[in-house]
Amino acid sequence: MTESAKILMDAMSQAGTAATQEKIVFDEAFTLHHRTVFRAARSVVQDTMLAEDVTQEVFLRLYNNMDAIANEEMLRPWLIRVALNVARNTVRGNIRANTREDNYVKETDETSDFTPSKEFEQKECAREVHRALSLIKEPLRSCLVLKQQGLSYKEIASSLDLNETSIGTFVARARQEFVRHYGKIGGKTV
């Protein structure tokens, strides 16, 4: 065996040893701190299943950031801090999701009182809106529709390949055009 082959094999064995040592450190950290992380998460989310999800996320972050922790003394505080942050974010996300669901239920309850005349009025109104939009030239129409869908000026600019500084002007002009055309179509001037 040549000298360079021996050096290469030594380097490969050292790399393999380092990888197994890292895995052992992670396994040890998981074994030692799983209960602590789980309890910290459960104290915030108040749900065992969510606490398990948070715990799993925390240990995934640990696995991906093993080199960020300088020494063993900082491991436990780091895990607890990450567990609390992930748990809080989970609670916030659930609150937002519940709010969206509640708003959807309210909207569907309000619109569930359909009568044929209300349905006809809504369809006719939608037709008028589509006609008014069809009379607005591009890119003004697209800017207005995307802005109504909640996109930011930056998102609109990137999706339409336009200059971000001109999006506000395009949206304002599109609104004026819409009001002008919708007022004419609707038989009333707005």
C-alpha atoms as a PDB file:
ATOM      1  CA  MET A   1       0.000   0.000   0.000  1.00  0.00           C
ATOM      2  CA  THR A   2       1.383   3.392  -0.923  1.00  0.00           C
ATOM      3  CA  GLU A   3       1.878   6.203   1.536  1.00  0.00           C
ATOM      4  CA  SER A   4      -0.849   8.363  -0.088  1.00  0.00           C
ATOM      5  CA  ALA A   5      -3.366   5.498   0.151  1.00  0.00           C
ATOM      6  CA  LYS A   6      -2.602   5.092   3.872  1.00  0.00           C
ATOM      7  CA  ILE A   7      -3.108   8.826   4.443  1.00  0.00           C
ATOM      8  CA  LEU A   8      -6.388   8.725   2.538  1.00  0.00           C
ATOM      9  CA  MET A   9      -7.655   5.733   4.528  1.00  0.00           C
ATOM     10  CA  ASP A  10      -6.665   7.408   7.807  1.00  0.00           C
ATOM     11  CA  ALA A  11      -8.511  10.570   6.809  1.00  0.00           C
ATOM     12  CA  MET A  12     -11.618   8.577   5.851  1.00  0.00           C
ATOM     13  CA  SER A  13     -11.619   6.643   9.107  1.00  0.00           C
ATOM     14  CA  GLN A  14     -11.247   9.861  11.090  1.00  0.00           C
ATOM     15  CA  ALA A  15     -14.152  11.410   9.183  1.00  0.00           C
ATOM     16  CA  GLY A  16     -16.288   8.341   9.912  1.00  0.00           C
ATOM     17  CA  THR A  17     -15.327   8.483  13.582  1.00  0.00           C
ATOM     18  CA  ALA A  18     -16.226  12.184  13.754  1.00  0.00           C
ATOM     19  CA  ALA A  19     -19.623  11.483  12.190  1.00  0.00           C
ATOM     20  CA  THR A  20     -20.380   8.696  14.653  1.00  0.00           C
ATOM     21  CA  GLN A  21     -19.228  10.890  17.546  1.00  0.00           C
ATOM     22  CA  GLU A  22     -21.642  13.613  16.394  1.00  0.00           C
ATOM     23  CA  LYS A  23     -24.447  11.083  16.222  1.00  0.00           C
ATOM     24  CA  ILE A  24     -23.611   9.812  19.684  1.00  0.00           C
ATOM     25  CA  VAL A  25     -23.673  13.389  20.989  1.00  0.00           C
ATOM     26  CA  PHE A  26     -27.078  13.943  19.360  1.00  0.00           C
ATOM     27  CA  ASP A  27     -28.411  10.641  20.678  1.00  0.00           C
ATOM     28  CA  GLU A  28     -27.149  11.481  24.149  1.00  0.00           C
ATOM     29  CA  ALA A  29     -28.676  14.955  23.966  1.00  0.00           C
ATOM     30  CA  PHE A  30     -31.985  13.469  22.867  1.00  0.00           C
ATOM     31  CA  THR A  31     -31.946  10.880  25.648  1.00  0.00           C
ATOM     32  CA  LEU A  32     -30.924  13.351  28.338  1.00  0.00           C
ATOM     33  CA  HIS A  33     -33.126  16.290  27.396  1.00  0.00           C
ATOM     34  CA  HIS A  34     -36.217  14.866  25.694  1.00  0.00           C
ATOM     35  CA  ARG A  35     -38.370  15.047  28.826  1.00  0.00           C
ATOM     36  CA  THR A  36     -37.252  18.588  29.630  1.00  0.00           C
ATOM     37  CA  VAL A  37     -38.025  19.807  26.114  1.00  0.00           C
ATOM     38  CA  PHE A  38     -41.367  18.019  26.098  1.00  0.00           C
ATOM     39  CA  ARG A  39     -42.388  19.517  29.444  1.00  0.00           C
ATOM     40  CA  ALA A  40     -41.364  23.018  28.362  1.00  0.00           C
ATOM     41  CA  ALA A  41     -43.382  22.653  25.171  1.00  0.00           C
ATOM     42  CA  ARG A  42     -46.415  21.204  26.944  1.00  0.00           C
ATOM     43  CA  SER A  43     -46.391  24.051  29.460  1.00  0.00           C
ATOM     44  CA  VAL A  44     -46.945  26.481  26.586  1.00  0.00           C
ATOM     45  CA  VAL A  45     -49.184  24.565  24.168  1.00  0.00           C
ATOM     46  CA  GLN A  46     -51.248  22.724  26.826  1.00  0.00           C
ATOM     47  CA  ASP A  47     -51.656  19.728  24.529  1.00  0.00           C
ATOM     48  CA  THR A  48     -49.680  16.487  24.595  1.00  0.00           C
ATOM     49  CA  MET A  49     -49.823  15.855  20.844  1.00  0.00           C
ATOM     50  CA  LEU A  50     -48.768  19.398  19.982  1.00  0.00           C
ATOM     51  CA  ALA A  51     -46.005  19.186  22.577  1.00  0.00           C
ATOM     52  CA  GLU A  52     -44.700  16.048  20.839  1.00  0.00           C
ATOM     53  CA  ASP A  53     -44.685  17.901  17.521  1.00  0.00           C
ATOM     54  CA  VAL A  54     -42.838  20.819  19.075  1.00  0.00           C
ATOM     55  CA  THR A  55     -40.335  18.450  20.695  1.00  0.00           C
ATOM     56  CA  GLN A  56     -39.688  16.776  17.365  1.00  0.00           C
ATOM     57  CA  GLU A  57     -39.150  20.165  15.712  1.00  0.00           C
ATOM     58  CA  VAL A  58     -36.726  21.219  18.454  1.00  0.00           C
ATOM     59  CA  PHE A  59     -34.600  18.116  18.023  1.00  0.00           C
ATOM     60  CA  LEU A  60     -34.631  18.527  14.254  1.00  0.00           C
ATOM     61  CA  ARG A  61     -33.279  22.024  14.765  1.00  0.00           C
ATOM     62  CA  LEU A  62     -30.679  20.668  17.160  1.00  0.00           C
ATOM     63  CA  TYR A  63     -29.598  18.073  14.628  1.00  0.00           C
ATOM     64  CA  ASN A  64     -29.278  20.735  11.927  1.00  0.00           C
ATOM     65  CA  ASN A  65     -27.435  23.153  14.240  1.00  0.00           C
ATOM     66  CA  MET A  66     -25.152  20.881  16.240  1.00  0.00           C
ATOM     67  CA  ASP A  67     -22.148  23.070  15.456  1.00  0.00           C
ATOM     68  CA  ALA A  68     -23.899  26.201  16.786  1.00  0.00           C
ATOM     69  CA  ILE A  69     -23.754  24.987  20.373  1.00  0.00           C
ATOM     70  CA  ALA A  70     -20.327  25.736  21.790  1.00  0.00           C
ATOM     71  CA  ASN A  71     -20.331  23.375  24.774  1.00  0.00           C
ATOM     72  CA  GLU A  72     -22.473  20.904  26.694  1.00  0.00           C
ATOM     73  CA  GLU A  73     -23.384  23.486  29.349  1.00  0.00           C
ATOM     74  CA  MET A  74     -25.214  25.591  26.761  1.00  0.00           C
ATOM     75  CA  LEU A  75     -27.143  22.657  25.295  1.00  0.00           C
ATOM     76  CA  ARG A  76     -29.965  22.455  27.848  1.00  0.00           C
ATOM     77  CA  PRO A  77     -30.690  26.238  27.913  1.00  0.00           C
ATOM     78  CA  TRP A  78     -30.561  26.300  24.112  1.00  0.00           C
ATOM     79  CA  LEU A  79     -33.035  23.425  23.858  1.00  0.00           C
ATOM     80  CA  ILE A  80     -35.425  25.015  26.350  1.00  0.00           C
ATOM     81  CA  ARG A  81     -35.262  28.403  24.628  1.00  0.00           C
ATOM     82  CA  VAL A  82     -35.908  26.837  21.216  1.00  0.00           C
ATOM     83  CA  ALA A  83     -38.729  24.706  22.661  1.00  0.00           C
ATOM     84  CA  LEU A  84     -40.449  27.747  24.149  1.00  0.00           C
ATOM     85  CA  ASN A  85     -40.080  29.749  20.920  1.00  0.00           C
ATOM     86  CA  VAL A  86     -41.376  26.931  18.721  1.00  0.00           C
ATOM     87  CA  ALA A  87     -44.258  26.293  21.140  1.00  0.00           C
ATOM     88  CA  ARG A  88     -45.234  29.983  21.142  1.00  0.00           C
ATOM     89  CA  ASN A  89     -45.116  30.075  17.344  1.00  0.00           C
ATOM     90  CA  THR A  90     -47.286  26.961  17.241  1.00  0.00           C
ATOM     91  CA  VAL A  91     -49.854  28.566  19.534  1.00  0.00           C
ATOM     92  CA  ARG A  92     -49.853  31.738  17.419  1.00  0.00           C
ATOM     93  CA  GLY A  93     -50.313  29.695  14.265  1.00  0.00           C
ATOM     94  CA  ASN A  94     -53.217  27.798  15.793  1.00  0.00           C
ATOM     95  CA  ILE A  95     -54.862  31.036  16.903  1.00  0.00           C
ATOM     96  CA  ARG A  96     -54.561  32.429  13.367  1.00  0.00           C
ATOM     97  CA  ALA A  97     -55.939  29.221  11.875  1.00  0.00           C
ATOM     98  CA  ASN A  98     -58.866  29.216  14.305  1.00  0.00           C
ATOM     99  CA  THR A  99     -59.595  32.859  13.531  1.00  0.00           C
ATOM    100  CA  ARG A 100     -59.612  32.132   9.799  1.00  0.00           C
ATOM    101  CA  GLU A 101     -61.943  29.180  10.356  1.00  0.00           C
ATOM    102  CA  ASP A 102     -64.268  31.256  12.526  1.00  0.00           C
ATOM    103  CA  ASN A 103     -64.362  34.018   9.916  1.00  0.00           C
ATOM    104  CA  TYR A 104     -65.128  31.477   7.209  1.00  0.00           C
ATOM    105  CA  VAL A 105     -67.950  29.993   9.261  1.00  0.00           C
ATOM    106  CA  LYS A 106     -69.393  33.470   9.872  1.00  0.00           C
ATOM    107  CA  GLU A 107     -69.199  34.307   6.164  1.00  0.00           C
ATOM    108  CA  THR A 108     -70.845  31.066   5.131  1.00  0.00           C
ATOM    109  CA  ASP A 109     -73.571  31.509   7.756  1.00  0.00           C
ATOM    110  CA  GLU A 110     -74.287  35.006   6.452  1.00  0.00           C
ATOM    111  CA  THR A 111     -74.458  33.811   2.860  1.00  0.00           C
ATOM    112  CA  SER A 112     -76.416  30.662   3.618  1.00  0.00           C
ATOM    113  CA  ASP A 113     -79.698  32.591   3.528  1.00  0.00           C
ATOM    114  CA  PHE A 114     -79.880  32.335  -0.245  1.00  0.00           C
ATOM    115  CA  THR A 115     -83.046  33.117  -2.020  1.00  0.00           C
ATOM    116  CA  PRO A 116     -83.300  32.980  -5.786  1.00  0.00           C
ATOM    117  CA  SER A 117     -83.451  36.771  -6.011  1.00  0.00           C
ATOM    118  CA  LYS A 118     -80.337  37.227  -3.831  1.00  0.00           C
ATOM    119  CA  GLU A 119     -78.466  34.668  -5.884  1.00  0.00           C
ATOM    120  CA  PHE A 120     -79.502  36.415  -9.106  1.00  0.00           C
ATOM    121  CA  GLU A 121     -78.374  39.792  -7.727  1.00  0.00           C
ATOM    122  CA  GLN A 122     -74.993  38.374  -6.712  1.00  0.00           C
ATOM    123  CA  LYS A 123     -74.449  36.769 -10.119  1.00  0.00           C
ATOM    124  CA  GLU A 124     -75.441  39.957 -11.894  1.00  0.00           C
ATOM    125  CA  CYS A 125     -73.115  41.995  -9.693  1.00  0.00           C
ATOM    126  CA  ALA A 126     -70.283  39.563 -10.438  1.00  0.00           C
ATOM    127  CA  ARG A 127     -70.948  39.883 -14.187  1.00  0.00           C
ATOM    128  CA  GLU A 128     -70.801  43.677 -13.922  1.00  0.00           C
ATOM    129  CA  VAL A 129     -67.521  43.497 -12.023  1.00  0.00           C
ATOM    130  CA  HIS A 130     -66.039  41.170 -14.657  1.00  0.00           C
ATOM    131  CA  ARG A 131     -67.219  43.464 -17.457  1.00  0.00           C
ATOM    132  CA  ALA A 132     -65.687  46.485 -15.741  1.00  0.00           C
ATOM    133  CA  LEU A 133     -62.428  44.625 -15.193  1.00  0.00           C
ATOM    134  CA  SER A 134     -62.323  43.514 -18.824  1.00  0.00           C
ATOM    135  CA  LEU A 135     -62.383  47.166 -19.925  1.00  0.00           C
ATOM    136  CA  ILE A 136     -59.267  48.002 -17.897  1.00  0.00           C
ATOM    137  CA  LYS A 137     -56.046  47.594 -19.858  1.00  0.00           C
ATOM    138  CA  GLU A 138     -53.087  45.504 -18.780  1.00  0.00           C
ATOM    139  CA  PRO A 139     -50.995  45.759 -16.598  1.00  0.00           C
ATOM    140  CA  LEU A 140     -53.382  47.964 -14.614  1.00  0.00           C
ATOM    141  CA  ARG A 141     -56.012  45.206 -14.368  1.00  0.00           C
ATOM    142  CA  SER A 142     -53.532  42.610 -13.127  1.00  0.00           C
ATOM    143  CA  CYS A 143     -52.081  45.013 -10.576  1.00  0.00           C
ATOM    144  CA  LEU A 144     -55.553  45.792  -9.228  1.00  0.00           C
ATOM    145  CA  VAL A 145     -56.619  42.146  -9.039  1.00  0.00           C
ATOM    146  CA  LEU A 146     -53.393  41.068  -7.323  1.00  0.00           C
ATOM    147  CA  LYS A 147     -53.615  43.964  -4.858  1.00  0.00           C
ATOM    148  CA  GLN A 148     -57.203  42.965  -4.016  1.00  0.00           C
ATOM    149  CA  GLN A 149     -55.944  39.441  -3.372  1.00  0.00           C
ATOM    150  CA  GLY A 150     -53.643  40.820  -0.686  1.00  0.00           C
ATOM    151  CA  LEU A 151     -50.256  40.823  -2.417  1.00  0.00           C
ATOM    152  CA  SER A 152     -47.720  43.502  -1.546  1.00  0.00           C
ATOM    153  CA  TYR A 153     -46.343  45.899  -4.137  1.00  0.00           C
ATOM    154  CA  LYS A 154     -43.078  43.958  -4.144  1.00  0.00           C
ATOM    155  CA  GLU A 155     -44.877  40.661  -4.779  1.00  0.00           C
ATOM    156  CA  ILE A 156     -46.961  42.206  -7.546  1.00  0.00           C
ATOM    157  CA  ALA A 157     -43.882  43.693  -9.193  1.00  0.00           C
ATOM    158  CA  SER A 158     -42.013  40.410  -9.141  1.00  0.00           C
ATOM    159  CA  SER A 159     -44.952  38.359 -10.407  1.00  0.00           C
ATOM    160  CA  LEU A 160     -45.718  40.751 -13.294  1.00  0.00           C
ATOM    161  CA  ASP A 161     -42.073  41.635 -13.966  1.00  0.00           C
ATOM    162  CA  LEU A 162     -42.699  45.351 -13.425  1.00  0.00           C
ATOM    163  CA  ASN A 163     -40.881  48.094 -11.561  1.00  0.00           C
ATOM    164  CA  GLU A 164     -41.945  48.106  -7.904  1.00  0.00           C
ATOM    165  CA  THR A 165     -42.096  51.913  -7.729  1.00  0.00           C
ATOM    166  CA  SER A 166     -44.765  52.044 -10.446  1.00  0.00           C
ATOM    167  CA  ILE A 167     -47.135  49.509  -8.871  1.00  0.00           C
ATOM    168  CA  GLY A 168     -48.828  52.059  -6.594  1.00  0.00           C
ATOM    169  CA  THR A 169     -49.571  54.294  -9.572  1.00  0.00           C
ATOM    170  CA  PHE A 170     -50.893  51.357 -11.587  1.00  0.00           C
ATOM    171  CA  VAL A 171     -53.198  50.289  -8.760  1.00  0.00           C
ATOM    172  CA  ALA A 172     -54.522  53.827  -8.264  1.00  0.00           C
ATOM    173  CA  ARG A 173     -55.181  54.260 -11.995  1.00  0.00           C
ATOM    174  CA  ALA A 174     -56.836  50.847 -12.184  1.00  0.00           C
ATOM    175  CA  ARG A 175     -59.144  51.768  -9.303  1.00  0.00           C
ATOM    176  CA  GLN A 176     -60.139  54.990 -11.060  1.00  0.00           C
ATOM    177  CA  GLU A 177     -60.796  53.100 -14.287  1.00  0.00           C
ATOM    178  CA  PHE A 178     -62.785  50.452 -12.443  1.00  0.00           C
ATOM    179  CA  VAL A 179     -64.979  53.033 -10.728  1.00  0.00           C
ATOM    180  CA  ARG A 180     -65.521  54.812 -14.045  1.00  0.00           C
ATOM    181  CA  HIS A 181     -66.458  51.607 -15.927  1.00  0.00           C
ATOM    182  CA  TYR A 182     -68.401  49.953 -13.116  1.00  0.00           C
ATOM    183  CA  GLY A 183     -70.442  53.128 -12.590  1.00  0.00           C
ATOM    184  CA  LYS A 184     -71.335  53.189 -16.296  1.00  0.00           C
ATOM    185  CA  ILE A 185     -72.228  49.514 -16.443  1.00  0.00           C
ATOM    186  CA  GLY A 186     -74.179  49.602 -13.229  1.00  0.00           C
ATOM    187  CA  GLY A 187     -76.305  52.468 -14.525  1.00  0.00           C
ATOM    188  CA  LYS A 188     -75.100  54.798 -11.808  1.00  0.00           C
ATOM    189  CA  THR A 189     -72.215  57.209 -11.603  1.00  0.00           C
ATOM    190  CA  VAL A 190     -69.923  56.709  -8.688  1.00  0.00           C
END
